[in-house]
Amino acid sequence: MTTTSGQTVERGAVLAAISAAVQAALRMSTDVAVTESTHLVDELGLDSSQIFGLLLELEESLAIELDTDSLRLGDLVSAGSLADFVSRCRPA
């Protein structure tokens, strides 16, 4: 994935951004262990409004524009599937 400055963002950085955005969405002050296989709804209990907040946070923190028209339910199953979706998005 490429940022607005033209730099490539590695998958580890995307997962770290997802982890931070999950914390913000859940309003948690402690670290949440988020791995590729962490289920966003089943394990973390995110609801639709928290997922929306998560997506907005990712756009801001990674300086990207998420194409919500191409967003599928499968993209929101796990942190890994969300990272795959984010990697397909273009810089803001």
PDB file of N, CA and C in Angstrom:
ATOM      1  N   MET A   1       0.848  -1.174   0.000  1.00  0.00           N
ATOM      2  CA  MET A   1       0.000   0.000   0.000  1.00  0.00           C
ATOM      3  C   MET A   1       0.889   1.230   0.000  1.00  0.00           C
ATOM      4  N   THR A   2       0.453   2.305  -0.635  1.00  0.00           N
ATOM      5  CA  THR A   2       1.228   3.530  -0.744  1.00  0.00           C
ATOM      6  C   THR A   2       0.481   4.678  -0.080  1.00  0.00           C
ATOM      7  N   THR A   3       1.208   5.511   0.661  1.00  0.00           N
ATOM      8  CA  THR A   3       0.601   6.661   1.331  1.00  0.00           C
ATOM      9  C   THR A   3       0.586   7.856   0.397  1.00  0.00           C
ATOM     10  N   THR A   4       0.043   8.973   0.885  1.00  0.00           N
ATOM     11  CA  THR A   4      -0.012  10.181   0.073  1.00  0.00           C
ATOM     12  C   THR A   4       1.374  10.700  -0.263  1.00  0.00           C
ATOM     13  N   SER A   5       2.367  10.364   0.558  1.00  0.00           N
ATOM     14  CA  SER A   5       3.728  10.813   0.278  1.00  0.00           C
ATOM     15  C   SER A   5       4.450   9.864  -0.668  1.00  0.00           C
ATOM     16  N   GLY A   6       3.748   8.799  -1.122  1.00  0.00           N
ATOM     17  CA  GLY A   6       4.355   7.867  -2.049  1.00  0.00           C
ATOM     18  C   GLY A   6       5.110   6.742  -1.382  1.00  0.00           C
ATOM     19  N   GLN A   7       5.117   6.697  -0.057  1.00  0.00           N
ATOM     20  CA  GLN A   7       5.831   5.650   0.655  1.00  0.00           C
ATOM     21  C   GLN A   7       4.955   4.414   0.778  1.00  0.00           C
ATOM     22  N   THR A   8       5.599   3.247   0.769  1.00  0.00           N
ATOM     23  CA  THR A   8       4.888   1.994   0.932  1.00  0.00           C
ATOM     24  C   THR A   8       4.716   1.693   2.412  1.00  0.00           C
ATOM     25  N   VAL A   9       3.524   1.270   2.785  1.00  0.00           N
ATOM     26  CA  VAL A   9       3.255   0.896   4.169  1.00  0.00           C
ATOM     27  C   VAL A   9       3.264  -0.623   4.244  1.00  0.00           C
ATOM     28  N   GLU A  10       4.079  -1.162   5.129  1.00  0.00           N
ATOM     29  CA  GLU A  10       4.186  -2.606   5.259  1.00  0.00           C
ATOM     30  C   GLU A  10       2.993  -3.163   6.028  1.00  0.00           C
ATOM     31  N   ARG A  11       2.736  -4.446   5.819  1.00  0.00           N
ATOM     32  CA  ARG A  11       1.586  -5.099   6.442  1.00  0.00           C
ATOM     33  C   ARG A  11       1.626  -4.980   7.967  1.00  0.00           C
ATOM     34  N   GLY A  12       2.806  -5.078   8.547  1.00  0.00           N
ATOM     35  CA  GLY A  12       2.927  -4.939   9.998  1.00  0.00           C
ATOM     36  C   GLY A  12       2.439  -3.582  10.473  1.00  0.00           C
ATOM     37  N   ALA A  13       2.714  -2.545   9.705  1.00  0.00           N
ATOM     38  CA  ALA A  13       2.254  -1.206  10.057  1.00  0.00           C
ATOM     39  C   ALA A  13       0.742  -1.106   9.915  1.00  0.00           C
ATOM     40  N   VAL A  14       0.185  -1.772   8.907  1.00  0.00           N
ATOM     41  CA  VAL A  14      -1.268  -1.783   8.727  1.00  0.00           C
ATOM     42  C   VAL A  14      -1.921  -2.485   9.907  1.00  0.00           C
ATOM     43  N   LEU A  15      -1.378  -3.632  10.311  1.00  0.00           N
ATOM     44  CA  LEU A  15      -1.932  -4.358  11.458  1.00  0.00           C
ATOM     45  C   LEU A  15      -1.801  -3.548  12.746  1.00  0.00           C
ATOM     46  N   ALA A  16      -0.697  -2.832  12.905  1.00  0.00           N
ATOM     47  CA  ALA A  16      -0.533  -1.970  14.078  1.00  0.00           C
ATOM     48  C   ALA A  16      -1.574  -0.852  14.071  1.00  0.00           C
ATOM     49  N   ALA A  17      -1.842  -0.301  12.901  1.00  0.00           N
ATOM     50  CA  ALA A  17      -2.862   0.745  12.782  1.00  0.00           C
ATOM     51  C   ALA A  17      -4.247   0.176  13.079  1.00  0.00           C
ATOM     52  N   ILE A  18      -4.501  -1.050  12.636  1.00  0.00           N
ATOM     53  CA  ILE A  18      -5.779  -1.701  12.930  1.00  0.00           C
ATOM     54  C   ILE A  18      -5.912  -1.906  14.432  1.00  0.00           C
ATOM     55  N   SER A  19      -4.848  -2.362  15.083  1.00  0.00           N
ATOM     56  CA  SER A  19      -4.865  -2.579  16.530  1.00  0.00           C
ATOM     57  C   SER A  19      -5.150  -1.275  17.272  1.00  0.00           C
ATOM     58  N   ALA A  20      -4.490  -0.202  16.870  1.00  0.00           N
ATOM     59  CA  ALA A  20      -4.704   1.102  17.507  1.00  0.00           C
ATOM     60  C   ALA A  20      -6.127   1.601  17.254  1.00  0.00           C
ATOM     61  N   ALA A  21      -6.627   1.374  16.043  1.00  0.00           N
ATOM     62  CA  ALA A  21      -7.985   1.812  15.716  1.00  0.00           C
ATOM     63  C   ALA A  21      -9.026   1.000  16.485  1.00  0.00           C
ATOM     64  N   VAL A  22      -8.742  -0.281  16.721  1.00  0.00           N
ATOM     65  CA  VAL A  22      -9.637  -1.118  17.532  1.00  0.00           C
ATOM     66  C   VAL A  22      -9.705  -0.568  18.948  1.00  0.00           C
ATOM     67  N   GLN A  23      -8.539  -0.224  19.488  1.00  0.00           N
ATOM     68  CA  GLN A  23      -8.509   0.360  20.833  1.00  0.00           C
ATOM     69  C   GLN A  23      -9.349   1.635  20.893  1.00  0.00           C
ATOM     70  N   ALA A  24      -9.211   2.476  19.878  1.00  0.00           N
ATOM     71  CA  ALA A  24      -9.975   3.718  19.841  1.00  0.00           C
ATOM     72  C   ALA A  24     -11.473   3.428  19.705  1.00  0.00           C
ATOM     73  N   ALA A  25     -11.826   2.462  18.854  1.00  0.00           N
ATOM     74  CA  ALA A  25     -13.232   2.128  18.636  1.00  0.00           C
ATOM     75  C   ALA A  25     -13.870   1.555  19.892  1.00  0.00           C
ATOM     76  N   LEU A  26     -13.095   0.771  20.641  1.00  0.00           N
ATOM     77  CA  LEU A  26     -13.607   0.164  21.869  1.00  0.00           C
ATOM     78  C   LEU A  26     -13.396   1.054  23.086  1.00  0.00           C
ATOM     79  N   ARG A  27     -12.722   2.189  22.856  1.00  0.00           N
ATOM     80  CA  ARG A  27     -12.414   3.134  23.934  1.00  0.00           C
ATOM     81  C   ARG A  27     -11.700   2.447  25.092  1.00  0.00           C
ATOM     82  N   MET A  28     -10.666   1.691  24.720  1.00  0.00           N
ATOM     83  CA  MET A  28      -9.884   0.948  25.706  1.00  0.00           C
ATOM     84  C   MET A  28      -8.579   1.675  25.968  1.00  0.00           C
ATOM     85  N   SER A  29      -8.132   1.637  27.203  1.00  0.00           N
ATOM     86  CA  SER A  29      -6.868   2.276  27.543  1.00  0.00           C
ATOM     87  C   SER A  29      -5.723   1.271  27.575  1.00  0.00           C
ATOM     88  N   THR A  30      -6.036  -0.013  27.522  1.00  0.00           N
ATOM     89  CA  THR A  30      -5.001  -1.039  27.522  1.00  0.00           C
ATOM     90  C   THR A  30      -4.833  -1.607  26.126  1.00  0.00           C
ATOM     91  N   ASP A  31      -3.665  -2.186  25.884  1.00  0.00           N
ATOM     92  CA  ASP A  31      -3.400  -2.779  24.582  1.00  0.00           C
ATOM     93  C   ASP A  31      -4.306  -3.976  24.333  1.00  0.00           C
ATOM     94  N   VAL A  32      -4.767  -4.078  23.121  1.00  0.00           N
ATOM     95  CA  VAL A  32      -5.566  -5.215  22.676  1.00  0.00           C
ATOM     96  C   VAL A  32      -4.672  -6.030  21.752  1.00  0.00           C
ATOM     97  N   ALA A  33      -4.557  -7.320  22.026  1.00  0.00           N
ATOM     98  CA  ALA A  33      -3.747  -8.180  21.170  1.00  0.00           C
ATOM     99  C   ALA A  33      -4.522  -8.472  19.892  1.00  0.00           C
ATOM    100  N   VAL A  34      -4.099  -7.865  18.811  1.00  0.00           N
ATOM    101  CA  VAL A  34      -4.752  -8.072  17.522  1.00  0.00           C
ATOM    102  C   VAL A  34      -3.753  -8.736  16.591  1.00  0.00           C
ATOM    103  N   THR A  35      -4.129  -9.910  16.103  1.00  0.00           N
ATOM    104  CA  THR A  35      -3.302 -10.638  15.139  1.00  0.00           C
ATOM    105  C   THR A  35      -4.080 -10.778  13.842  1.00  0.00           C
ATOM    106  N   GLU A  36      -3.443 -11.348  12.839  1.00  0.00           N
ATOM    107  CA  GLU A  36      -4.099 -11.568  11.547  1.00  0.00           C
ATOM    108  C   GLU A  36      -5.420 -12.315  11.709  1.00  0.00           C
ATOM    109  N   SER A  37      -5.463 -13.250  12.654  1.00  0.00           N
ATOM    110  CA  SER A  37      -6.640 -14.113  12.793  1.00  0.00           C
ATOM    111  C   SER A  37      -7.672 -13.600  13.797  1.00  0.00           C
ATOM    112  N   THR A  38      -7.432 -12.455  14.405  1.00  0.00           N
ATOM    113  CA  THR A  38      -8.387 -11.908  15.368  1.00  0.00           C
ATOM    114  C   THR A  38      -9.682 -11.524  14.660  1.00  0.00           C
ATOM    115  N   HIS A  39     -10.796 -12.102  15.126  1.00  0.00           N
ATOM    116  CA  HIS A  39     -12.110 -11.796  14.544  1.00  0.00           C
ATOM    117  C   HIS A  39     -12.643 -10.506  15.161  1.00  0.00           C
ATOM    118  N   LEU A  40     -12.984  -9.570  14.291  1.00  0.00           N
ATOM    119  CA  LEU A  40     -13.380  -8.242  14.741  1.00  0.00           C
ATOM    120  C   LEU A  40     -14.700  -8.235  15.501  1.00  0.00           C
ATOM    121  N   VAL A  41     -15.652  -9.044  15.080  1.00  0.00           N
ATOM    122  CA  VAL A  41     -16.954  -9.074  15.743  1.00  0.00           C
ATOM    123  C   VAL A  41     -16.999 -10.180  16.793  1.00  0.00           C
ATOM    124  N   ASP A  42     -16.635 -11.395  16.394  1.00  0.00           N
ATOM    125  CA  ASP A  42     -16.745 -12.546  17.292  1.00  0.00           C
ATOM    126  C   ASP A  42     -15.837 -12.439  18.520  1.00  0.00           C
ATOM    127  N   GLU A  43     -14.598 -12.011  18.325  1.00  0.00           N
ATOM    128  CA  GLU A  43     -13.659 -11.937  19.448  1.00  0.00           C
ATOM    129  C   GLU A  43     -13.658 -10.585  20.146  1.00  0.00           C
ATOM    130  N   LEU A  44     -13.691  -9.527  19.352  1.00  0.00           N
ATOM    131  CA  LEU A  44     -13.568  -8.186  19.924  1.00  0.00           C
ATOM    132  C   LEU A  44     -14.920  -7.545  20.222  1.00  0.00           C
ATOM    133  N   GLY A  45     -15.967  -8.067  19.620  1.00  0.00           N
ATOM    134  CA  GLY A  45     -17.309  -7.552  19.896  1.00  0.00           C
ATOM    135  C   GLY A  45     -17.629  -6.218  19.251  1.00  0.00           C
ATOM    136  N   LEU A  46     -16.934  -5.885  18.158  1.00  0.00           N
ATOM    137  CA  LEU A  46     -17.226  -4.613  17.490  1.00  0.00           C
ATOM    138  C   LEU A  46     -18.619  -4.634  16.885  1.00  0.00           C
ATOM    139  N   ASP A  47     -19.350  -3.535  17.041  1.00  0.00           N
ATOM    140  CA  ASP A  47     -20.654  -3.415  16.397  1.00  0.00           C
ATOM    141  C   ASP A  47     -20.500  -2.529  15.160  1.00  0.00           C
ATOM    142  N   SER A  48     -21.596  -2.302  14.446  1.00  0.00           N
ATOM    143  CA  SER A  48     -21.519  -1.580  13.173  1.00  0.00           C
ATOM    144  C   SER A  48     -20.997  -0.151  13.331  1.00  0.00           C
ATOM    145  N   SER A  49     -21.393   0.539  14.370  1.00  0.00           N
ATOM    146  CA  SER A  49     -20.907   1.908  14.539  1.00  0.00           C
ATOM    147  C   SER A  49     -19.419   1.922  14.918  1.00  0.00           C
ATOM    148  N   GLN A  50     -18.974   0.934  15.674  1.00  0.00           N
ATOM    149  CA  GLN A  50     -17.558   0.851  16.021  1.00  0.00           C
ATOM    150  C   GLN A  50     -16.717   0.486  14.799  1.00  0.00           C
ATOM    151  N   ILE A  51     -17.257  -0.356  13.935  1.00  0.00           N
ATOM    152  CA  ILE A  51     -16.542  -0.696  12.701  1.00  0.00           C
ATOM    153  C   ILE A  51     -16.424   0.540  11.817  1.00  0.00           C
ATOM    154  N   PHE A  52     -17.475   1.343  11.750  1.00  0.00           N
ATOM    155  CA  PHE A  52     -17.420   2.586  10.983  1.00  0.00           C
ATOM    156  C   PHE A  52     -16.330   3.503  11.544  1.00  0.00           C
ATOM    157  N   GLY A  53     -16.286   3.632  12.864  1.00  0.00           N
ATOM    158  CA  GLY A  53     -15.243   4.431  13.507  1.00  0.00           C
ATOM    159  C   GLY A  53     -13.858   3.878  13.243  1.00  0.00           C
ATOM    160  N   LEU A  54     -13.743   2.559  13.237  1.00  0.00           N
ATOM    161  CA  LEU A  54     -12.477   1.892  12.936  1.00  0.00           C
ATOM    162  C   LEU A  54     -12.009   2.247  11.532  1.00  0.00           C
ATOM    163  N   LEU A  55     -12.911   2.214  10.569  1.00  0.00           N
ATOM    164  CA  LEU A  55     -12.562   2.548   9.190  1.00  0.00           C
ATOM    165  C   LEU A  55     -12.134   4.007   9.064  1.00  0.00           C
ATOM    166  N   LEU A  56     -12.845   4.906   9.727  1.00  0.00           N
ATOM    167  CA  LEU A  56     -12.462   6.325   9.697  1.00  0.00           C
ATOM    168  C   LEU A  56     -11.092   6.541  10.317  1.00  0.00           C
ATOM    169  N   GLU A  57     -10.833   5.868  11.424  1.00  0.00           N
ATOM    170  CA  GLU A  57      -9.534   5.978  12.093  1.00  0.00           C
ATOM    171  C   GLU A  57      -8.417   5.472  11.192  1.00  0.00           C
ATOM    172  N   LEU A  58      -8.659   4.380  10.474  1.00  0.00           N
ATOM    173  CA  LEU A  58      -7.649   3.842   9.554  1.00  0.00           C
ATOM    174  C   LEU A  58      -7.372   4.813   8.416  1.00  0.00           C
ATOM    175  N   GLU A  59      -8.416   5.435   7.885  1.00  0.00           N
ATOM    176  CA  GLU A  59      -8.212   6.423   6.828  1.00  0.00           C
ATOM    177  C   GLU A  59      -7.305   7.549   7.305  1.00  0.00           C
ATOM    178  N   GLU A  60      -7.577   8.020   8.493  1.00  0.00           N
ATOM    179  CA  GLU A  60      -6.796   9.139   9.034  1.00  0.00           C
ATOM    180  C   GLU A  60      -5.370   8.721   9.371  1.00  0.00           C
ATOM    181  N   SER A  61      -5.216   7.623  10.078  1.00  0.00           N
ATOM    182  CA  SER A  61      -3.880   7.238  10.549  1.00  0.00           C
ATOM    183  C   SER A  61      -2.961   6.764   9.431  1.00  0.00           C
ATOM    184  N   LEU A  62      -3.537   6.175   8.375  1.00  0.00           N
ATOM    185  CA  LEU A  62      -2.713   5.675   7.272  1.00  0.00           C
ATOM    186  C   LEU A  62      -2.709   6.605   6.059  1.00  0.00           C
ATOM    187  N   ALA A  63      -3.436   7.727   6.158  1.00  0.00           N
ATOM    188  CA  ALA A  63      -3.526   8.699   5.059  1.00  0.00           C
ATOM    189  C   ALA A  63      -3.961   8.018   3.765  1.00  0.00           C
ATOM    190  N   ILE A  64      -5.068   7.269   3.861  1.00  0.00           N
ATOM    191  CA  ILE A  64      -5.606   6.570   2.707  1.00  0.00           C
ATOM    192  C   ILE A  64      -7.085   6.908   2.563  1.00  0.00           C
ATOM    193  N   GLU A  65      -7.635   6.547   1.424  1.00  0.00           N
ATOM    194  CA  GLU A  65      -9.066   6.681   1.189  1.00  0.00           C
ATOM    195  C   GLU A  65      -9.617   5.282   0.972  1.00  0.00           C
ATOM    196  N   LEU A  66     -10.449   4.828   1.897  1.00  0.00           N
ATOM    197  CA  LEU A  66     -11.033   3.501   1.780  1.00  0.00           C
ATOM    198  C   LEU A  66     -12.198   3.538   0.800  1.00  0.00           C
ATOM    199  N   ASP A  67     -12.220   2.605  -0.102  1.00  0.00           N
ATOM    200  CA  ASP A  67     -13.287   2.506  -1.092  1.00  0.00           C
ATOM    201  C   ASP A  67     -14.417   1.671  -0.497  1.00  0.00           C
ATOM    202  N   THR A  68     -15.309   2.333   0.216  1.00  0.00           N
ATOM    203  CA  THR A  68     -16.381   1.621   0.907  1.00  0.00           C
ATOM    204  C   THR A  68     -17.379   0.994  -0.070  1.00  0.00           C
ATOM    205  N   ASP A  69     -17.404   1.446  -1.316  1.00  0.00           N
ATOM    206  CA  ASP A  69     -18.284   0.827  -2.309  1.00  0.00           C
ATOM    207  C   ASP A  69     -17.843  -0.601  -2.623  1.00  0.00           C
ATOM    208  N   SER A  70     -16.552  -0.866  -2.480  1.00  0.00           N
ATOM    209  CA  SER A  70     -16.052  -2.215  -2.759  1.00  0.00           C
ATOM    210  C   SER A  70     -15.889  -3.049  -1.482  1.00  0.00           C
ATOM    211  N   LEU A  71     -16.236  -2.478  -0.348  1.00  0.00           N
ATOM    212  CA  LEU A  71     -16.139  -3.183   0.931  1.00  0.00           C
ATOM    213  C   LEU A  71     -17.166  -4.307   0.989  1.00  0.00           C
ATOM    214  N   ARG A  72     -16.688  -5.504   1.319  1.00  0.00           N
ATOM    215  CA  ARG A  72     -17.569  -6.665   1.447  1.00  0.00           C
ATOM    216  C   ARG A  72     -17.569  -7.124   2.892  1.00  0.00           C
ATOM    217  N   LEU A  73     -18.586  -7.819   3.302  1.00  0.00           N
ATOM    218  CA  LEU A  73     -18.674  -8.333   4.652  1.00  0.00           C
ATOM    219  C   LEU A  73     -17.449  -9.180   5.000  1.00  0.00           C
ATOM    220  N   GLY A  74     -16.965  -9.933   4.039  1.00  0.00           N
ATOM    221  CA  GLY A  74     -15.781 -10.768   4.255  1.00  0.00           C
ATOM    222  C   GLY A  74     -14.525  -9.976   4.577  1.00  0.00           C
ATOM    223  N   ASP A  75     -14.504  -8.708   4.176  1.00  0.00           N
ATOM    224  CA  ASP A  75     -13.353  -7.847   4.471  1.00  0.00           C
ATOM    225  C   ASP A  75     -13.297  -7.465   5.941  1.00  0.00           C
ATOM    226  N   LEU A  76     -14.399  -7.672   6.659  1.00  0.00           N
ATOM    227  CA  LEU A  76     -14.481  -7.252   8.056  1.00  0.00           C
ATOM    228  C   LEU A  76     -14.488  -8.420   9.030  1.00  0.00           C
ATOM    229  N   VAL A  77     -14.168  -9.605   8.556  1.00  0.00           N
ATOM    230  CA  VAL A  77     -14.193 -10.783   9.430  1.00  0.00           C
ATOM    231  C   VAL A  77     -13.052 -10.748  10.434  1.00  0.00           C
ATOM    232  N   SER A  78     -11.845 -10.530   9.945  1.00  0.00           N
ATOM    233  CA  SER A  78     -10.676 -10.570  10.824  1.00  0.00           C
ATOM    234  C   SER A  78      -9.760  -9.388  10.540  1.00  0.00           C
ATOM    235  N   ALA A  79      -8.784  -9.213  11.411  1.00  0.00           N
ATOM    236  CA  ALA A  79      -7.801  -8.147  11.191  1.00  0.00           C
ATOM    237  C   ALA A  79      -7.042  -8.403   9.893  1.00  0.00           C
ATOM    238  N   GLY A  80      -6.772  -9.660   9.587  1.00  0.00           N
ATOM    239  CA  GLY A  80      -6.074 -10.005   8.347  1.00  0.00           C
ATOM    240  C   GLY A  80      -6.881  -9.673   7.112  1.00  0.00           C
ATOM    241  N   SER A  81      -8.183  -9.989   7.131  1.00  0.00           N
ATOM    242  CA  SER A  81      -9.017  -9.668   5.967  1.00  0.00           C
ATOM    243  C   SER A  81      -9.185  -8.158   5.818  1.00  0.00           C
ATOM    244  N   LEU A  82      -9.240  -7.446   6.933  1.00  0.00           N
ATOM    245  CA  LEU A  82      -9.307  -5.983   6.863  1.00  0.00           C
ATOM    246  C   LEU A  82      -7.994  -5.412   6.330  1.00  0.00           C
ATOM    247  N   ALA A  83      -6.869  -5.992   6.742  1.00  0.00           N
ATOM    248  CA  ALA A  83      -5.564  -5.550   6.228  1.00  0.00           C
ATOM    249  C   ALA A  83      -5.480  -5.776   4.720  1.00  0.00           C
ATOM    250  N   ASP A  84      -6.036  -6.883   4.236  1.00  0.00           N
ATOM    251  CA  ASP A  84      -6.063  -7.139   2.797  1.00  0.00           C
ATOM    252  C   ASP A  84      -6.871  -6.055   2.077  1.00  0.00           C
ATOM    253  N   PHE A  85      -8.034  -5.709   2.640  1.00  0.00           N
ATOM    254  CA  PHE A  85      -8.869  -4.664   2.047  1.00  0.00           C
ATOM    255  C   PHE A  85      -8.128  -3.329   2.037  1.00  0.00           C
ATOM    256  N   VAL A  86      -7.530  -2.978   3.169  1.00  0.00           N
ATOM    257  CA  VAL A  86      -6.803  -1.708   3.277  1.00  0.00           C
ATOM    258  C   VAL A  86      -5.681  -1.648   2.251  1.00  0.00           C
ATOM    259  N   SER A  87      -5.008  -2.769   2.010  1.00  0.00           N
ATOM    260  CA  SER A  87      -3.894  -2.769   1.063  1.00  0.00           C
ATOM    261  C   SER A  87      -4.349  -2.532  -0.364  1.00  0.00           C
ATOM    262  N   ARG A  88      -5.635  -2.742  -0.650  1.00  0.00           N
ATOM    263  CA  ARG A  88      -6.176  -2.490  -1.985  1.00  0.00           C
ATOM    264  C   ARG A  88      -6.634  -1.041  -2.176  1.00  0.00           C
ATOM    265  N   CYS A  89      -6.608  -0.256  -1.124  1.00  0.00           N
ATOM    266  CA  CYS A  89      -7.103   1.119  -1.187  1.00  0.00           C
ATOM    267  C   CYS A  89      -6.000   2.084  -1.614  1.00  0.00           C
ATOM    268  N   ARG A  90      -6.437   3.195  -2.145  1.00  0.00           N
ATOM    269  CA  ARG A  90      -5.474   4.167  -2.673  1.00  0.00           C
ATOM    270  C   ARG A  90      -5.208   5.279  -1.644  1.00  0.00           C
ATOM    271  N   PRO A  91      -4.109   5.979  -1.849  1.00  0.00           N
ATOM    272  CA  PRO A  91      -3.802   7.114  -0.953  1.00  0.00           C
ATOM    273  C   PRO A  91      -4.886   8.179  -1.011  1.00  0.00           C
ATOM    274  N   ALA A  92      -5.051   8.894   0.075  1.00  0.00           N
ATOM    275  CA  ALA A  92      -6.053   9.961   0.114  1.00  0.00           C
ATOM    276  C   ALA A  92      -5.605  11.159  -0.685  1.00  0.00           C
TER     277      ALA A  92
END
